[in-house]
């Protein structure tokens, strides 16, 4: 199974009707900040790392690949368990 995050994190409606022109925004410089339509979204620290990693990917990735990159020093079973917890 693959997991991914839209590269630009821009969730406007495909027909161009934004409703609200402010997309979901992920800022990573000077700390982690996720906003949705201008409102701050609290994300647990364990999930911030996963969202930041996925934001830089061009396509969906296999879970095992994500787990291996985020927890490279952990055994495969522990890394995939960490990924499940983050999700």
PDB file of N, CA and C in Angstrom:
ATOM      1  N   UNK A   1       0.841  -1.169   0.000  1.00  0.00           N
ATOM      2  CA  UNK A   1       0.000   0.000   0.000  1.00  0.00           C
ATOM      3  C   UNK A   1       0.890   1.237   0.000  1.00  0.00           C
ATOM      4  N   UNK A   2       0.545   2.230  -0.783  1.00  0.00           N
ATOM      5  CA  UNK A   2       1.328   3.450  -0.880  1.00  0.00           C
ATOM      6  C   UNK A   2       0.638   4.578  -0.129  1.00  0.00           C
ATOM      7  N   UNK A   3       1.448   5.476   0.399  1.00  0.00           N
ATOM      8  CA  UNK A   3       0.908   6.658   1.050  1.00  0.00           C
ATOM      9  C   UNK A   3       1.534   7.879   0.408  1.00  0.00           C
ATOM     10  N   UNK A   4       0.820   8.965   0.367  1.00  0.00           N
ATOM     11  CA  UNK A   4       1.333  10.172  -0.246  1.00  0.00           C
ATOM     12  C   UNK A   4       0.582  11.391   0.222  1.00  0.00           C
ATOM     13  N   UNK A   5       1.083  12.528  -0.151  1.00  0.00           N
ATOM     14  CA  UNK A   5       0.495  13.805   0.200  1.00  0.00           C
ATOM     15  C   UNK A   5       0.619  14.676  -1.037  1.00  0.00           C
ATOM     16  N   UNK A   6      -0.439  15.350  -1.400  1.00  0.00           N
ATOM     17  CA  UNK A   6      -0.387  16.184  -2.596  1.00  0.00           C
ATOM     18  C   UNK A   6       0.782  17.145  -2.459  1.00  0.00           C
ATOM     19  N   UNK A   7       1.606  17.244  -3.489  1.00  0.00           N
ATOM     20  CA  UNK A   7       2.869  17.974  -3.420  1.00  0.00           C
ATOM     21  C   UNK A   7       2.708  19.410  -2.941  1.00  0.00           C
ATOM     22  N   UNK A   8       1.739  20.109  -3.446  1.00  0.00           N
ATOM     23  CA  UNK A   8       1.599  21.518  -3.083  1.00  0.00           C
ATOM     24  C   UNK A   8       0.689  21.729  -1.886  1.00  0.00           C
ATOM     25  N   UNK A   9       0.070  20.673  -1.400  1.00  0.00           N
ATOM     26  CA  UNK A   9      -0.868  20.778  -0.287  1.00  0.00           C
ATOM     27  C   UNK A   9      -1.940  21.819  -0.581  1.00  0.00           C
ATOM     28  N   UNK A  10      -2.324  21.945  -1.820  1.00  0.00           N
ATOM     29  CA  UNK A  10      -3.320  22.924  -2.235  1.00  0.00           C
ATOM     30  C   UNK A  10      -4.592  22.170  -2.582  1.00  0.00           C
ATOM     31  N   UNK A  11      -5.592  22.257  -1.710  1.00  0.00           N
ATOM     32  CA  UNK A  11      -6.804  21.465  -1.865  1.00  0.00           C
ATOM     33  C   UNK A  11      -7.982  22.296  -2.371  1.00  0.00           C
ATOM     34  N   UNK A  12      -7.758  23.095  -3.380  1.00  0.00           N
ATOM     35  CA  UNK A  12      -8.845  23.844  -3.989  1.00  0.00           C
ATOM     36  C   UNK A  12      -9.671  22.920  -4.849  1.00  0.00           C
ATOM     37  N   UNK A  13     -10.923  23.240  -5.019  1.00  0.00           N
ATOM     38  CA  UNK A  13     -11.807  22.399  -5.823  1.00  0.00           C
ATOM     39  C   UNK A  13     -11.365  22.416  -7.280  1.00  0.00           C
ATOM     40  N   UNK A  14     -11.443  21.272  -7.980  1.00  0.00           N
ATOM     41  CA  UNK A  14     -10.950  21.199  -9.356  1.00  0.00           C
ATOM     42  C   UNK A  14     -11.666  22.123 -10.320  1.00  0.00           C
ATOM     43  N   UNK A  15     -12.898  22.520 -10.037  1.00  0.00           N
ATOM     44  CA  UNK A  15     -13.617  23.392 -10.956  1.00  0.00           C
ATOM     45  C   UNK A  15     -13.216  24.858 -10.803  1.00  0.00           C
ATOM     46  N   UNK A  16     -12.236  25.130  -9.897  1.00  0.00           N
ATOM     47  CA  UNK A  16     -11.765  26.490  -9.723  1.00  0.00           C
ATOM     48  C   UNK A  16     -12.545  27.267  -8.688  1.00  0.00           C
ATOM     49  N   UNK A  17     -13.617  26.725  -8.147  1.00  0.00           N
ATOM     50  CA  UNK A  17     -14.409  27.402  -7.131  1.00  0.00           C
ATOM     51  C   UNK A  17     -13.758  27.152  -5.782  1.00  0.00           C
ATOM     52  N   UNK A  18     -12.910  28.087  -5.339  1.00  0.00           N
ATOM     53  CA  UNK A  18     -12.181  27.926  -4.098  1.00  0.00           C
ATOM     54  C   UNK A  18     -13.106  27.948  -2.886  1.00  0.00           C
ATOM     55  N   UNK A  19     -14.139  28.775  -2.933  1.00  0.00           N
ATOM     56  CA  UNK A  19     -14.919  29.006  -1.737  1.00  0.00           C
ATOM     57  C   UNK A  19     -14.096  29.894  -0.823  1.00  0.00           C
ATOM     58  N   UNK A  20     -12.906  29.479  -0.510  1.00  0.00           N
ATOM     59  CA  UNK A  20     -11.947  30.228   0.287  1.00  0.00           C
ATOM     60  C   UNK A  20     -10.606  30.054  -0.411  1.00  0.00           C
ATOM     61  N   UNK A  21      -9.975  31.152  -0.811  1.00  0.00           N
ATOM     62  CA  UNK A  21      -8.757  31.090  -1.615  1.00  0.00           C
ATOM     63  C   UNK A  21      -7.542  30.652  -0.816  1.00  0.00           C
ATOM     64  N   UNK A  22      -7.654  30.506   0.502  1.00  0.00           N
ATOM     65  CA  UNK A  22      -6.502  30.103   1.304  1.00  0.00           C
ATOM     66  C   UNK A  22      -6.436  28.580   1.367  1.00  0.00           C
ATOM     67  N   UNK A  23      -5.423  27.991   0.733  1.00  0.00           N
ATOM     68  CA  UNK A  23      -5.285  26.525   0.733  1.00  0.00           C
ATOM     69  C   UNK A  23      -4.709  26.034   2.054  1.00  0.00           C
ATOM     70  N   UNK A  24      -4.619  24.736   2.181  1.00  0.00           N
ATOM     71  CA  UNK A  24      -3.871  24.153   3.288  1.00  0.00           C
ATOM     72  C   UNK A  24      -2.405  24.504   3.050  1.00  0.00           C
ATOM     73  N   UNK A  25      -1.730  24.954   4.080  1.00  0.00           N
ATOM     74  CA  UNK A  25      -0.349  25.418   3.938  1.00  0.00           C
ATOM     75  C   UNK A  25       0.523  24.751   4.995  1.00  0.00           C
ATOM     76  N   UNK A  26       1.666  24.241   4.571  1.00  0.00           N
ATOM     77  CA  UNK A  26       2.624  23.620   5.469  1.00  0.00           C
ATOM     78  C   UNK A  26       3.912  24.428   5.419  1.00  0.00           C
ATOM     79  N   UNK A  27       4.300  25.000   6.557  1.00  0.00           N
ATOM     80  CA  UNK A  27       5.549  25.754   6.665  1.00  0.00           C
ATOM     81  C   UNK A  27       6.510  24.948   7.528  1.00  0.00           C
ATOM     82  N   UNK A  28       7.749  24.809   7.063  1.00  0.00           N
ATOM     83  CA  UNK A  28       8.727  24.003   7.787  1.00  0.00           C
ATOM     84  C   UNK A  28       9.928  24.812   8.267  1.00  0.00           C
ATOM     85  N   UNK A  29      10.101  26.014   7.772  1.00  0.00           N
ATOM     86  CA  UNK A  29      11.201  26.859   8.235  1.00  0.00           C
ATOM     87  C   UNK A  29      10.781  27.518   9.539  1.00  0.00           C
ATOM     88  N   UNK A  30      11.714  27.599  10.476  1.00  0.00           N
ATOM     89  CA  UNK A  30      11.428  28.176  11.801  1.00  0.00           C
ATOM     90  C   UNK A  30      10.349  27.399  12.540  1.00  0.00           C
ATOM     91  N   UNK A  31      10.307  26.100  12.344  1.00  0.00           N
ATOM     92  CA  UNK A  31       9.348  25.255  13.044  1.00  0.00           C
ATOM     93  C   UNK A  31       8.243  24.759  12.133  1.00  0.00           C
ATOM     94  N   UNK A  32       7.496  23.807  12.630  1.00  0.00           N
ATOM     95  CA  UNK A  32       6.406  23.181  11.885  1.00  0.00           C
ATOM     96  C   UNK A  32       5.130  23.978  12.090  1.00  0.00           C
ATOM     97  N   UNK A  33       4.471  24.317  10.979  1.00  0.00           N
ATOM     98  CA  UNK A  33       3.181  25.012  11.085  1.00  0.00           C
ATOM     99  C   UNK A  33       2.272  24.559   9.940  1.00  0.00           C
ATOM    100  N   UNK A  34       1.107  24.053  10.290  1.00  0.00           N
ATOM    101  CA  UNK A  34       0.108  23.630   9.317  1.00  0.00           C
ATOM    102  C   UNK A  34      -1.125  24.497   9.516  1.00  0.00           C
ATOM    103  N   UNK A  35      -1.587  25.113   8.426  1.00  0.00           N
ATOM    104  CA  UNK A  35      -2.796  25.920   8.490  1.00  0.00           C
ATOM    105  C   UNK A  35      -3.787  25.433   7.439  1.00  0.00           C
ATOM    106  N   UNK A  36      -5.058  25.538   7.760  1.00  0.00           N
ATOM    107  CA  UNK A  36      -6.146  25.179   6.858  1.00  0.00           C
ATOM    108  C   UNK A  36      -7.086  26.368   6.811  1.00  0.00           C
ATOM    109  N   UNK A  37      -7.149  26.985   5.643  1.00  0.00           N
ATOM    110  CA  UNK A  37      -7.962  28.195   5.466  1.00  0.00           C
ATOM    111  C   UNK A  37      -7.596  29.265   6.487  1.00  0.00           C
ATOM    112  N   UNK A  38      -6.297  29.373   6.743  1.00  0.00           N
ATOM    113  CA  UNK A  38      -5.786  30.400   7.631  1.00  0.00           C
ATOM    114  C   UNK A  38      -5.830  30.049   9.104  1.00  0.00           C
ATOM    115  N   UNK A  39      -6.389  28.908   9.462  1.00  0.00           N
ATOM    116  CA  UNK A  39      -6.481  28.508  10.866  1.00  0.00           C
ATOM    117  C   UNK A  39      -5.411  27.479  11.197  1.00  0.00           C
ATOM    118  N   UNK A  40      -4.752  27.661  12.332  1.00  0.00           N
ATOM    119  CA  UNK A  40      -3.710  26.742  12.784  1.00  0.00           C
ATOM    120  C   UNK A  40      -4.307  25.361  13.064  1.00  0.00           C
ATOM    121  N   UNK A  41      -3.612  24.310  12.598  1.00  0.00           N
ATOM    122  CA  UNK A  41      -4.025  22.931  12.839  1.00  0.00           C
ATOM    123  C   UNK A  41      -2.973  22.285  13.741  1.00  0.00           C
ATOM    124  N   UNK A  42      -3.409  21.783  14.895  1.00  0.00           N
ATOM    125  CA  UNK A  42      -2.490  21.092  15.794  1.00  0.00           C
ATOM    126  C   UNK A  42      -2.232  19.685  15.268  1.00  0.00           C
ATOM    127  N   UNK A  43      -0.963  19.361  15.118  1.00  0.00           N
ATOM    128  CA  UNK A  43      -0.540  18.044  14.649  1.00  0.00           C
ATOM    129  C   UNK A  43       0.414  17.490  15.700  1.00  0.00           C
ATOM    130  N   UNK A  44       0.180  16.263  16.171  1.00  0.00           N
ATOM    131  CA  UNK A  44       1.107  15.672  17.143  1.00  0.00           C
ATOM    132  C   UNK A  44       2.527  15.623  16.589  1.00  0.00           C
ATOM    133  N   UNK A  45       3.488  15.772  17.467  1.00  0.00           N
ATOM    134  CA  UNK A  45       4.887  15.764  17.070  1.00  0.00           C
ATOM    135  C   UNK A  45       5.240  14.509  16.277  1.00  0.00           C
ATOM    136  N   UNK A  46       4.671  13.379  16.663  1.00  0.00           N
ATOM    137  CA  UNK A  46       4.964  12.125  15.964  1.00  0.00           C
ATOM    138  C   UNK A  46       4.510  12.152  14.504  1.00  0.00           C
ATOM    139  N   UNK A  47       3.479  12.913  14.200  1.00  0.00           N
ATOM    140  CA  UNK A  47       2.972  12.988  12.824  1.00  0.00           C
ATOM    141  C   UNK A  47       3.619  14.115  12.020  1.00  0.00           C
ATOM    142  N   UNK A  48       4.199  15.091  12.684  1.00  0.00           N
ATOM    143  CA  UNK A  48       4.828  16.215  11.975  1.00  0.00           C
ATOM    144  C   UNK A  48       5.960  15.738  11.079  1.00  0.00           C
ATOM    145  N   UNK A  49       6.754  14.838  11.578  1.00  0.00           N
ATOM    146  CA  UNK A  49       7.884  14.303  10.811  1.00  0.00           C
ATOM    147  C   UNK A  49       7.395  13.603   9.547  1.00  0.00           C
ATOM    148  N   UNK A  50       6.330  12.833   9.686  1.00  0.00           N
ATOM    149  CA  UNK A  50       5.758  12.120   8.544  1.00  0.00           C
ATOM    150  C   UNK A  50       5.211  13.101   7.517  1.00  0.00           C
ATOM    151  N   UNK A  51       4.446  14.098   7.943  1.00  0.00           N
ATOM    152  CA  UNK A  51       3.893  15.087   7.009  1.00  0.00           C
ATOM    153  C   UNK A  51       4.996  15.856   6.292  1.00  0.00           C
ATOM    154  N   UNK A  52       6.029  16.241   7.013  1.00  0.00           N
ATOM    155  CA  UNK A  52       7.139  16.963   6.397  1.00  0.00           C
ATOM    156  C   UNK A  52       7.820  16.097   5.337  1.00  0.00           C
ATOM    157  N   UNK A  53       8.049  14.826   5.640  1.00  0.00           N
ATOM    158  CA  UNK A  53       8.675  13.917   4.681  1.00  0.00           C
ATOM    159  C   UNK A  53       7.812  13.760   3.436  1.00  0.00           C
ATOM    160  N   UNK A  54       6.523  13.528   3.618  1.00  0.00           N
ATOM    161  CA  UNK A  54       5.635  13.304   2.477  1.00  0.00           C
ATOM    162  C   UNK A  54       5.448  14.556   1.623  1.00  0.00           C
ATOM    163  N   UNK A  55       5.540  15.719   2.229  1.00  0.00           N
ATOM    164  CA  UNK A  55       5.347  16.971   1.489  1.00  0.00           C
ATOM    165  C   UNK A  55       6.396  17.162   0.392  1.00  0.00           C
ATOM    166  N   UNK A  56       7.552  16.545   0.555  1.00  0.00           N
ATOM    167  CA  UNK A  56       8.628  16.700  -0.427  1.00  0.00           C
ATOM    168  C   UNK A  56       8.662  15.598  -1.477  1.00  0.00           C
ATOM    169  N   UNK A  57       7.719  14.701  -1.433  1.00  0.00           N
ATOM    170  CA  UNK A  57       7.701  13.586  -2.377  1.00  0.00           C
ATOM    171  C   UNK A  57       6.859  13.930  -3.608  1.00  0.00           C
ATOM    172  N   UNK A  58       7.305  13.443  -4.731  1.00  0.00           N
ATOM    173  CA  UNK A  58       6.619  13.702  -5.997  1.00  0.00           C
ATOM    174  C   UNK A  58       5.477  12.726  -6.272  1.00  0.00           C
ATOM    175  N   UNK A  59       5.488  11.577  -5.582  1.00  0.00           N
ATOM    176  CA  UNK A  59       4.493  10.535  -5.852  1.00  0.00           C
ATOM    177  C   UNK A  59       4.241   9.750  -4.578  1.00  0.00           C
ATOM    178  N   UNK A  60       3.174   8.974  -4.534  1.00  0.00           N
ATOM    179  CA  UNK A  60       2.952   8.102  -3.370  1.00  0.00           C
ATOM    180  C   UNK A  60       4.109   7.117  -3.201  1.00  0.00           C
ATOM    181  N   UNK A  61       4.367   6.757  -1.974  1.00  0.00           N
ATOM    182  CA  UNK A  61       5.470   5.845  -1.657  1.00  0.00           C
ATOM    183  C   UNK A  61       4.945   4.626  -0.921  1.00  0.00           C
ATOM    184  N   UNK A  62       5.685   3.531  -1.039  1.00  0.00           N
ATOM    185  CA  UNK A  62       5.346   2.338  -0.280  1.00  0.00           C
ATOM    186  C   UNK A  62       5.586   2.602   1.204  1.00  0.00           C
ATOM    187  N   UNK A  63       4.718   2.044   2.027  1.00  0.00           N
ATOM    188  CA  UNK A  63       4.842   2.227   3.473  1.00  0.00           C
ATOM    189  C   UNK A  63       6.217   1.805   3.978  1.00  0.00           C
ATOM    190  N   UNK A  64       6.722   0.697   3.496  1.00  0.00           N
ATOM    191  CA  UNK A  64       8.013   0.196   3.951  1.00  0.00           C
ATOM    192  C   UNK A  64       9.134   1.187   3.622  1.00  0.00           C
ATOM    193  N   UNK A  65       9.040   1.828   2.464  1.00  0.00           N
ATOM    194  CA  UNK A  65      10.032   2.838   2.086  1.00  0.00           C
ATOM    195  C   UNK A  65       9.972   4.032   3.044  1.00  0.00           C
ATOM    196  N   UNK A  66       8.769   4.497   3.345  1.00  0.00           N
ATOM    197  CA  UNK A  66       8.609   5.637   4.261  1.00  0.00           C
ATOM    198  C   UNK A  66       9.144   5.270   5.639  1.00  0.00           C
ATOM    199  N   UNK A  67       8.735   4.128   6.149  1.00  0.00           N
ATOM    200  CA  UNK A  67       9.178   3.690   7.473  1.00  0.00           C
ATOM    201  C   UNK A  67      10.701   3.568   7.534  1.00  0.00           C
ATOM    202  N   UNK A  68      11.296   3.003   6.498  1.00  0.00           N
ATOM    203  CA  UNK A  68      12.744   2.839   6.459  1.00  0.00           C
ATOM    204  C   UNK A  68      13.497   4.151   6.419  1.00  0.00           C
ATOM    205  N   UNK A  69      12.917   5.157   5.774  1.00  0.00           N
ATOM    206  CA  UNK A  69      13.563   6.471   5.706  1.00  0.00           C
ATOM    207  C   UNK A  69      13.399   7.267   6.989  1.00  0.00           C
ATOM    208  N   UNK A  70      12.258   7.141   7.632  1.00  0.00           N
ATOM    209  CA  UNK A  70      12.014   7.917   8.849  1.00  0.00           C
ATOM    210  C   UNK A  70      12.630   7.281  10.097  1.00  0.00           C
ATOM    211  N   UNK A  71      12.767   5.966  10.098  1.00  0.00           N
ATOM    212  CA  UNK A  71      13.341   5.251  11.241  1.00  0.00           C
ATOM    213  C   UNK A  71      14.408   4.284  10.741  1.00  0.00           C
ATOM    214  N   UNK A  72      15.495   4.810  10.172  1.00  0.00           N
ATOM    215  CA  UNK A  72      16.498   3.952   9.529  1.00  0.00           C
ATOM    216  C   UNK A  72      17.266   3.045  10.496  1.00  0.00           C
ATOM    217  N   UNK A  73      17.356   3.395  11.755  1.00  0.00           N
ATOM    218  CA  UNK A  73      18.115   2.597  12.718  1.00  0.00           C
ATOM    219  C   UNK A  73      17.251   1.583  13.454  1.00  0.00           C
ATOM    220  N   UNK A  74      15.969   1.537  13.116  1.00  0.00           N
ATOM    221  CA  UNK A  74      15.050   0.609  13.770  1.00  0.00           C
ATOM    222  C   UNK A  74      14.860  -0.644  12.922  1.00  0.00           C
ATOM    223  N   UNK A  75      14.616  -1.767  13.575  1.00  0.00           N
ATOM    224  CA  UNK A  75      14.258  -2.969  12.802  1.00  0.00           C
ATOM    225  C   UNK A  75      12.969  -2.703  12.013  1.00  0.00           C
ATOM    226  N   UNK A  76      12.783  -3.436  10.926  1.00  0.00           N
ATOM    227  CA  UNK A  76      11.634  -3.207  10.047  1.00  0.00           C
ATOM    228  C   UNK A  76      10.304  -3.242  10.813  1.00  0.00           C
ATOM    229  N   UNK A  77      10.138  -4.201  11.697  1.00  0.00           N
ATOM    230  CA  UNK A  77       8.878  -4.313  12.442  1.00  0.00           C
ATOM    231  C   UNK A  77       8.635  -3.076  13.312  1.00  0.00           C
ATOM    232  N   UNK A  78       9.689  -2.550  13.951  1.00  0.00           N
ATOM    233  CA  UNK A  78       9.546  -1.360  14.799  1.00  0.00           C
ATOM    234  C   UNK A  78       9.276  -0.139  13.931  1.00  0.00           C
ATOM    235  N   UNK A  79       9.984  -0.009  12.797  1.00  0.00           N
ATOM    236  CA  UNK A  79       9.794   1.135  11.902  1.00  0.00           C
ATOM    237  C   UNK A  79       8.369   1.174  11.358  1.00  0.00           C
ATOM    238  N   UNK A  80       7.849   0.026  10.953  1.00  0.00           N
ATOM    239  CA  UNK A  80       6.471   0.017  10.428  1.00  0.00           C
ATOM    240  C   UNK A  80       5.455   0.265  11.546  1.00  0.00           C
ATOM    241  N   UNK A  81       5.747  -0.175  12.764  1.00  0.00           N
ATOM    242  CA  UNK A  81       4.869   0.128  13.896  1.00  0.00           C
ATOM    243  C   UNK A  81       4.874   1.626  14.190  1.00  0.00           C
ATOM    244  N   UNK A  82       6.047   2.251  14.105  1.00  0.00           N
ATOM    245  CA  UNK A  82       6.140   3.706  14.303  1.00  0.00           C
ATOM    246  C   UNK A  82       5.325   4.443  13.248  1.00  0.00           C
ATOM    247  N   UNK A  83       5.387   3.967  12.012  1.00  0.00           N
ATOM    248  CA  UNK A  83       4.629   4.591  10.932  1.00  0.00           C
ATOM    249  C   UNK A  83       3.122   4.467  11.198  1.00  0.00           C
ATOM    250  N   UNK A  84       2.686   3.298  11.603  1.00  0.00           N
ATOM    251  CA  UNK A  84       1.256   3.114  11.930  1.00  0.00           C
ATOM    252  C   UNK A  84       0.827   4.073  13.028  1.00  0.00           C
ATOM    253  N   UNK A  85       1.657   4.243  14.029  1.00  0.00           N
ATOM    254  CA  UNK A  85       1.327   5.163  15.120  1.00  0.00           C
ATOM    255  C   UNK A  85       1.235   6.602  14.617  1.00  0.00           C
ATOM    256  N   UNK A  86       2.131   6.977  13.731  1.00  0.00           N
ATOM    257  CA  UNK A  86       2.120   8.344  13.181  1.00  0.00           C
ATOM    258  C   UNK A  86       0.895   8.597  12.322  1.00  0.00           C
ATOM    259  N   UNK A  87       0.486   7.565  11.587  1.00  0.00           N
ATOM    260  CA  UNK A  87      -0.702   7.713  10.743  1.00  0.00           C
ATOM    261  C   UNK A  87      -1.949   7.831  11.594  1.00  0.00           C
TER     262      UNK A  87
END
